[in-house]
Protein backbone atom coordinates (compact mmCIF):
# COMPACT_ATOMS: atom_id res chain seq x y z
CA UNK A 1 179.75 105.02 58.41
CA UNK A 2 180.67 107.72 56.01
CA UNK A 3 177.99 109.80 54.40
CA UNK A 4 177.73 107.53 50.82
CA UNK A 5 177.31 104.66 53.19
CA UNK A 6 173.97 106.86 54.48
CA UNK A 7 172.82 106.97 51.08
CA UNK A 8 168.80 105.83 50.51
CA UNK A 9 169.71 105.73 46.55
CA UNK A 10 171.64 102.40 46.50
CA UNK A 11 171.06 98.82 46.81
CA UNK A 12 169.64 97.46 49.68
CA UNK A 13 167.03 100.54 50.32
CA UNK A 14 163.82 101.63 48.78
CA UNK A 15 164.20 103.15 46.17
CA UNK A 16 161.09 102.42 43.61
CA UNK A 17 160.07 106.03 41.53
CA UNK A 18 156.42 106.58 41.23
CA UNK A 19 154.02 105.65 38.19
CA UNK A 20 150.95 105.98 36.93
CA UNK A 21 150.49 102.64 37.03
CA UNK A 22 152.06 102.30 40.76
CA UNK A 23 149.92 105.52 42.27
CA UNK A 24 146.71 103.71 40.53
CA UNK A 25 148.26 100.51 42.60
CA UNK A 26 148.85 102.56 46.36
CA UNK A 27 145.19 103.82 45.64
CA UNK A 28 143.76 99.99 45.36
CA UNK A 29 145.73 99.19 48.28
CA UNK A 30 144.53 101.95 50.79
CA UNK A 31 140.70 101.13 49.66
CA UNK A 32 141.55 98.27 51.93
CA UNK A 33 143.54 99.67 54.66
CA UNK A 34 146.64 98.61 53.36
CA UNK A 35 149.59 99.78 51.57
CA UNK A 36 153.30 99.13 50.32
CA UNK A 37 156.49 98.67 51.98
CA UNK A 38 158.46 100.07 50.27
CA UNK A 39 156.85 103.68 50.07
CA UNK A 40 157.94 103.99 53.46
CA UNK A 41 160.55 101.87 54.26
CA UNK A 42 163.81 104.19 54.55
CA UNK A 43 161.56 106.65 56.77
CA UNK A 44 159.99 103.91 59.54
CA UNK A 45 164.13 102.01 59.49
CA UNK A 46 166.43 104.87 59.19
CA UNK A 47 169.77 104.40 59.16
CA UNK A 48 170.24 105.62 63.09
CA UNK A 49 167.70 107.17 65.23
CA UNK A 50 166.01 110.51 64.51
CA UNK A 51 164.07 111.27 67.31
CA UNK A 52 161.47 114.35 67.59
CA UNK A 53 162.93 115.44 70.48
CA UNK A 54 164.91 117.99 70.54
CA UNK A 55 167.04 119.38 73.35
CA UNK A 56 165.54 121.81 75.79
CA UNK A 57 166.84 123.55 78.81
CA UNK A 58 164.30 125.23 81.02
CA UNK A 59 165.21 127.86 83.18
CA UNK A 60 163.93 127.33 87.13
CA UNK A 61 164.34 130.78 87.97
CA UNK A 62 161.41 131.69 84.99
CA UNK A 63 159.53 128.97 85.87
CA UNK A 64 159.52 128.86 89.47
CA UNK A 65 156.98 132.22 89.45
CA UNK A 66 154.27 130.65 87.44
CA UNK A 67 154.80 127.57 89.19
CA UNK A 68 153.92 129.26 92.04
CA UNK A 69 151.40 131.50 90.37
CA UNK A 70 149.13 128.22 89.95
CA UNK A 71 148.91 127.80 93.79
CA UNK A 72 146.39 130.62 93.96
CA UNK A 73 144.83 129.50 90.22
CA UNK A 74 143.93 126.03 90.92
CA UNK A 75 142.58 124.31 93.59
CA UNK A 76 144.45 120.97 94.24
CA UNK A 77 141.28 118.78 94.83
CA UNK A 78 140.12 120.15 91.40
CA UNK A 79 143.81 119.56 89.58
CA UNK A 80 144.41 116.23 91.20
CA UNK A 81 147.89 116.94 90.94
CA UNK A 82 148.78 120.90 90.01
CA UNK A 83 151.57 120.43 88.28
CA UNK A 84 153.34 122.85 85.40
CA UNK A 85 154.59 119.87 82.94
CA UNK A 86 157.68 120.37 80.63
CA UNK A 87 156.76 119.95 77.12
CA UNK A 88 159.08 119.22 74.15
CA UNK A 89 158.55 121.51 71.07
CA UNK A 90 158.44 118.23 69.06
CA UNK A 91 156.61 115.60 71.02
CA UNK A 92 153.50 118.21 72.38
CA UNK A 93 151.44 115.07 70.50
CA UNK A 94 152.46 112.56 73.77
CA UNK A 95 152.94 115.43 76.20
CA UNK A 96 156.61 114.28 76.64
CA UNK A 97 159.77 116.34 77.84
CA UNK A 98 162.11 114.39 75.49
CA UNK A 99 161.49 110.80 73.78
CA UNK A 100 158.31 109.31 76.01
CA UNK A 101 159.28 110.30 79.60
CA UNK A 102 157.07 112.95 81.04
CA UNK A 103 158.10 115.91 83.66
CA UNK A 104 156.76 118.84 85.43
CA UNK A 105 156.92 120.75 88.58
CA UNK A 106 154.33 120.43 91.42
CA UNK A 107 153.52 122.60 93.59
CA UNK A 108 151.81 121.50 97.14
CA UNK A 109 150.93 124.89 99.53
CA UNK A 110 151.39 124.78 103.04
CA UNK A 111 148.83 122.22 104.78
CA UNK A 112 148.05 120.74 101.45
CA UNK A 113 146.97 116.85 100.99
CA UNK A 114 146.25 115.60 97.46
CA UNK A 115 143.78 112.67 97.33
CA UNK A 116 145.45 108.57 96.83
CA UNK A 117 145.55 107.13 93.84
CA UNK A 118 146.95 105.19 91.56
CA UNK A 119 148.25 104.34 88.14
CA UNK A 120 149.94 101.88 85.53
CA UNK A 121 152.73 104.73 84.58
CA UNK A 122 155.72 104.94 86.97
CA UNK A 123 156.54 108.04 88.87
CA UNK A 124 159.93 109.47 90.91
CA UNK A 125 160.13 112.48 92.48
CA UNK A 126 162.98 115.08 92.55
CA UNK A 127 162.91 117.85 95.59
CA UNK A 128 163.44 120.95 94.91
CA UNK A 129 162.50 123.14 97.60
CA UNK A 130 160.28 123.22 100.53
CA UNK A 131 160.75 121.02 104.27
CA UNK A 132 157.39 120.12 104.74
CA UNK A 133 156.97 117.37 101.76
CA UNK A 134 155.49 113.75 102.10
CA UNK A 135 154.09 110.94 100.08
CA UNK A 136 152.49 107.87 101.14
CA UNK A 137 153.03 104.82 99.24
CA UNK A 138 151.42 101.68 99.38
CA UNK A 139 150.68 102.42 103.15
CA UNK A 140 154.26 103.67 104.06
CA UNK A 141 154.69 107.32 104.87
CA UNK A 142 157.88 109.00 103.53
CA UNK A 143 159.09 112.66 104.23
CA UNK A 144 161.22 114.06 102.08
CA UNK A 145 163.56 117.28 101.33
CA UNK A 146 165.51 119.74 98.86
CA UNK A 147 167.73 116.99 96.84
CA UNK A 148 166.06 113.82 98.01
CA UNK A 149 165.09 111.47 95.10
CA UNK A 150 161.75 109.07 95.62
CA UNK A 151 159.48 106.48 93.71
CA UNK A 152 156.23 105.58 93.11
CA UNK A 153 156.61 102.62 91.18
CA UNK A 154 153.55 101.58 88.96
CA UNK A 155 150.50 99.67 90.59
CA UNK A 156 151.49 101.34 93.87
CA UNK A 157 148.54 103.84 95.92
CA UNK A 158 150.06 106.93 96.97
CA UNK A 159 149.29 110.26 97.35
CA UNK A 160 151.21 113.41 98.50
CA UNK A 161 150.94 116.55 100.77
CA UNK A 162 153.04 119.24 102.60
CA UNK A 163 152.91 119.86 106.70
CA UNK A 164 154.88 122.73 106.54
CA UNK A 165 152.69 125.99 107.69
CA UNK A 166 154.72 128.63 106.52
CA UNK A 167 156.19 127.98 102.96
CA UNK A 168 155.02 125.59 99.78
CA UNK A 169 156.73 122.63 98.28
CA UNK A 170 158.06 122.20 94.78
CA UNK A 171 159.27 119.04 93.42
CA UNK A 172 159.67 117.49 90.18
CA UNK A 173 157.82 114.52 88.51
CA UNK A 174 158.86 111.85 86.55
CA UNK A 175 156.94 109.25 84.31
CA UNK A 176 156.62 107.09 82.08
CA UNK A 177 153.30 107.92 80.89
CA UNK A 178 154.05 108.52 77.43
CA UNK A 179 155.55 105.09 77.11
CA UNK A 180 152.44 103.62 78.75
CA UNK A 181 149.87 105.07 76.51
CA UNK A 182 152.51 104.05 72.98
CA UNK A 183 151.46 100.77 74.41
CA UNK A 184 148.01 101.09 75.02
CA UNK A 185 148.26 99.71 78.63
CA UNK A 186 147.37 103.11 80.52
CA UNK A 187 144.95 102.76 83.69
CA UNK A 188 144.14 105.19 86.53
CA UNK A 189 141.95 104.39 89.71
CA UNK A 190 140.85 106.87 92.87
CA UNK A 191 141.48 105.34 95.99
CA UNK A 192 138.20 103.95 97.33
CA UNK A 193 138.45 105.79 100.54
CA UNK A 194 140.62 108.64 99.14
CA UNK A 195 143.25 108.79 101.07
CA UNK A 196 145.27 105.98 102.60
CA UNK A 197 145.75 105.01 106.46
CA UNK A 198 149.63 105.44 106.77
CA UNK A 199 151.74 103.10 108.89
CA UNK A 200 152.89 103.98 112.27
CA UNK A 201 156.90 104.18 110.84
CA UNK A 202 157.56 107.03 109.07
CA UNK A 203 160.49 106.44 106.49
CA UNK A 204 160.62 102.58 107.13
CA UNK A 205 161.97 101.64 103.70
CA UNK A 206 164.90 104.22 104.47
CA UNK A 207 165.76 102.40 107.55
CA UNK A 208 164.93 99.16 106.74
CA UNK A 209 167.02 99.04 103.35
CA UNK A 210 169.00 102.65 103.38
CA UNK A 211 172.24 101.36 104.95
CA UNK A 212 175.04 99.04 103.20
CA UNK A 213 173.30 95.54 104.95
CA UNK A 214 170.31 93.52 103.52
CA UNK A 215 168.29 92.53 106.34
CA UNK A 216 166.73 89.53 107.23
CA UNK A 217 163.85 88.45 105.14
CA UNK A 218 164.82 90.19 101.87
CA UNK A 219 164.40 87.14 100.02
CA UNK A 220 160.72 87.52 100.35
CA UNK A 221 160.73 90.77 98.01
CA UNK A 222 159.80 89.64 95.08
CA UNK A 223 158.26 92.81 92.88
CA UNK A 224 160.25 94.38 90.16
CA UNK A 225 160.90 97.92 91.97
CA UNK A 226 162.96 98.44 94.64
CA UNK A 227 161.87 98.26 98.06
CA UNK A 228 164.04 101.32 98.95
CA UNK A 229 161.34 104.04 98.03
CA UNK A 230 163.57 107.29 99.15
CA UNK A 231 167.18 107.92 98.38
CA UNK A 232 168.09 111.32 100.73
CA UNK A 233 170.41 113.93 99.25
CA UNK A 234 173.05 114.03 102.32
CA UNK A 235 174.37 110.61 102.12
CA UNK A 236 173.87 110.74 98.23
CA UNK A 237 176.07 113.71 98.13
CA UNK A 238 178.60 111.86 100.31
CA UNK A 239 178.90 108.63 98.31
CA UNK A 240 179.61 110.86 95.39
CA UNK A 241 182.29 112.33 97.44
CA UNK A 242 183.74 109.33 98.70
CA UNK A 243 183.44 107.28 95.55
CA UNK A 244 185.48 110.37 93.57
CA UNK A 245 188.12 109.57 96.07
CA UNK A 246 188.73 106.38 95.06
CA UNK A 247 187.79 106.72 91.02
CA UNK A 248 188.31 108.82 88.31
CA UNK A 249 184.93 108.09 87.00
CA UNK A 250 183.46 108.23 84.06
CA UNK A 251 185.38 110.47 80.72
CA UNK A 252 181.65 111.04 79.68
CA UNK A 253 180.06 111.61 82.61
CA UNK A 254 182.00 112.34 85.52
CA UNK A 255 181.42 110.85 88.89
CA UNK A 256 178.26 109.03 88.26
CA UNK A 257 176.61 106.33 90.13
CA UNK A 258 172.81 104.84 90.02
CA UNK A 259 169.97 104.79 92.33
CA UNK A 260 169.50 100.72 92.45
CA UNK A 261 167.49 98.54 94.12
CA UNK A 262 169.64 97.02 97.07
CA UNK A 263 167.84 93.43 96.45
CA UNK A 264 168.80 93.06 92.68
CA UNK A 265 171.32 95.73 92.33
CA UNK A 266 169.41 97.03 89.34
CA UNK A 267 167.51 99.93 88.45
CA UNK A 268 164.92 101.32 90.96
CA UNK A 269 161.92 100.71 88.30
CA UNK A 270 161.72 98.20 85.34
CA UNK A 271 160.49 101.20 82.83
CA UNK A 272 163.02 104.18 84.40
CA UNK A 273 166.76 104.63 85.81
CA UNK A 274 168.30 107.80 87.87
CA UNK A 275 171.16 108.78 88.52
CA UNK A 276 173.40 111.41 90.37
CA UNK A 277 176.72 112.45 89.02
CA UNK A 278 179.36 114.93 90.33
CA UNK A 279 181.45 116.96 88.33
CA UNK A 280 184.93 118.31 89.89
CA UNK A 281 185.70 121.73 89.98
CA UNK A 282 186.40 123.21 86.69
CA UNK A 283 185.92 119.59 85.02
CA UNK A 284 184.62 119.21 81.21
CA UNK A 285 183.68 115.69 79.94
CA UNK A 286 184.12 114.18 76.52
CA UNK A 287 181.40 113.80 74.52
CA UNK A 288 179.34 110.79 73.70
CA UNK A 289 175.79 109.69 72.37
CA UNK A 290 173.97 106.61 73.41
CA UNK A 291 170.24 105.19 72.86
CA UNK A 292 167.36 106.48 75.21
CA UNK A 293 166.09 109.98 76.48
CA UNK A 294 167.73 111.38 79.76
CA UNK A 295 166.34 114.41 81.69
CA UNK A 296 168.59 116.23 83.88
CA UNK A 297 167.95 118.34 87.22
CA UNK A 298 170.91 120.72 88.11
CA UNK A 299 170.90 119.37 92.01
CA UNK A 300 174.32 121.48 92.44
CA UNK A 301 176.45 123.92 91.02
CA UNK A 302 176.80 125.99 87.80
CA UNK A 303 178.14 124.42 84.13
CA UNK A 304 176.72 124.02 80.88
CA UNK A 305 176.11 121.50 78.56
CA UNK A 306 177.00 120.82 74.46
CA UNK A 307 174.05 118.77 72.93
CA UNK A 308 173.87 118.16 69.39
CA UNK A 309 176.27 121.22 68.90
CA UNK A 310 174.45 123.73 70.69
CA UNK A 311 175.89 124.95 74.20
CA UNK A 312 173.17 125.08 77.11
CA UNK A 313 174.63 127.03 79.76
CA UNK A 314 172.65 125.71 83.60
CA UNK A 315 172.36 126.16 87.57
CA UNK A 316 171.13 124.68 90.52
CA UNK A 317 166.96 123.73 89.61
CA UNK A 318 167.52 124.24 86.04
CA UNK A 319 166.25 121.15 83.54
CA UNK A 320 167.11 120.00 80.29
CA UNK A 321 166.65 116.79 78.28
CA UNK A 322 168.88 115.00 75.77
CA UNK A 323 167.06 113.18 72.97
CA UNK A 324 168.24 109.46 71.81
CA UNK A 325 171.19 109.66 69.99
CA UNK A 326 172.28 112.97 70.71
CA UNK A 327 175.97 113.98 71.01
CA UNK A 328 176.32 115.20 74.18
CA UNK A 329 178.94 116.48 77.26
CA UNK A 330 179.11 118.11 80.15
CA UNK A 331 181.47 121.00 81.93
CA UNK A 332 181.58 122.70 85.27
CA UNK A 333 181.74 126.22 85.34
CA UNK A 334 182.95 126.60 88.98
CA UNK A 335 187.34 126.38 89.43
CA UNK A 336 186.62 125.95 93.15
CA UNK A 337 183.43 123.58 94.08
CA UNK A 338 181.79 121.03 92.79
CA UNK A 339 178.70 120.28 90.45
CA UNK A 340 175.96 117.62 90.76
CA UNK A 341 173.40 116.66 88.18
CA UNK A 342 170.28 114.43 88.92
CA UNK A 343 169.07 112.62 86.09
CA UNK A 344 166.28 110.02 84.87
CA UNK A 345 166.15 107.89 81.50
CA UNK A 346 164.35 105.08 79.92
CA UNK A 347 167.66 102.95 80.12
CA UNK A 348 165.46 99.89 81.58
CA UNK A 349 163.78 99.87 78.67
CA UNK A 350 166.34 100.16 76.23
CA UNK A 351 168.44 97.05 78.05
CA UNK A 352 165.47 95.19 78.65
CA UNK A 353 164.79 94.91 74.74
CA UNK A 354 168.53 94.84 73.38
CA UNK A 355 168.06 98.22 72.13
CA UNK A 356 171.24 99.83 73.91
CA UNK A 357 174.02 101.50 71.86
CA UNK A 358 176.57 103.70 72.75
CA UNK A 359 179.70 105.70 71.34
CA UNK A 360 182.51 108.31 72.10
CA UNK A 361 182.80 111.24 70.03
CA UNK A 362 185.47 110.63 67.66
CA UNK A 363 186.59 114.20 66.30
CA UNK A 364 188.10 117.12 67.93
CA UNK A 365 189.82 115.51 71.30
CA UNK A 366 186.25 113.88 72.08
CA UNK A 367 184.55 117.64 72.16
CA UNK A 368 182.07 119.02 70.09
CA UNK A 369 182.56 122.74 68.54
CA UNK A 370 179.68 124.55 70.12
CA UNK A 371 177.71 126.66 68.65
């Protein structure tokens, strides 16, 4: 659309001018907890998305000392979960990192174990550092390490811990808490026994569903989330390297693949999806935009992204967000090695509601002019 097509002072848009009589009328409506649509129509029905969220980059090197400091300041049993949350300046009202997505860095000391609970919000984990991380999801114990991705679907009992005796674990939480609260659907329960009794086989979902084969009896799985609860880094990275040999990938995201439910091929959970993408040495992508918010974590390498016309330089561990409908593109600054970005998003919600829309940047050869 051209600028004139976005003009609110045109036929088809609300353009009522105030008069003393209208002002008095609005007061009468307000007394009855009512109002006139035309006074807010252009704000609540914009020409295109106007997210309150802004692009933000959180540097891991700057946050890490404060996350570790929390280990000495707050007892796990008192905090429930010892997390430094990342809050978007435009979404402080709902404690969101971008849109209606929450993220934070959780730390667990050596030998520490958190109590079990469950909630309406779905959750996911991406491990930054530490070798002793574990989680129990509905009685299934998972061990995860750096670069591993794990899910805790909504309504599942879960607890976390660190079985290492020499170093803490730091992983990144991702949840749809702001979405759940926006829909007034939040629930939270503490496990009646405080701790679960895990099954005998560790990583049983990975052993069962982690290969390119579906086991006998899979048709009995009817839950709306993936039966595979953890996705280790090594096979994920190997898959991207193999994919890079077979295809050029996306001009906007490089070699990108979605973590999926092996039974359905769909997203891992109904409200949040996740991807891992690889940027070849020296690669720069074209810019595009889409509905739906995304939180990125640098899993490997160094580079930069241009988001809404501003450049954000990143390195391993850094976290950044792309608000809905913001132009964005990525570049790998290393000409000798690849870079990898983990991301999670609310795309499943956008697709389920029929809200998905995407378009390519039309000017300057597909690249933004970066400030």
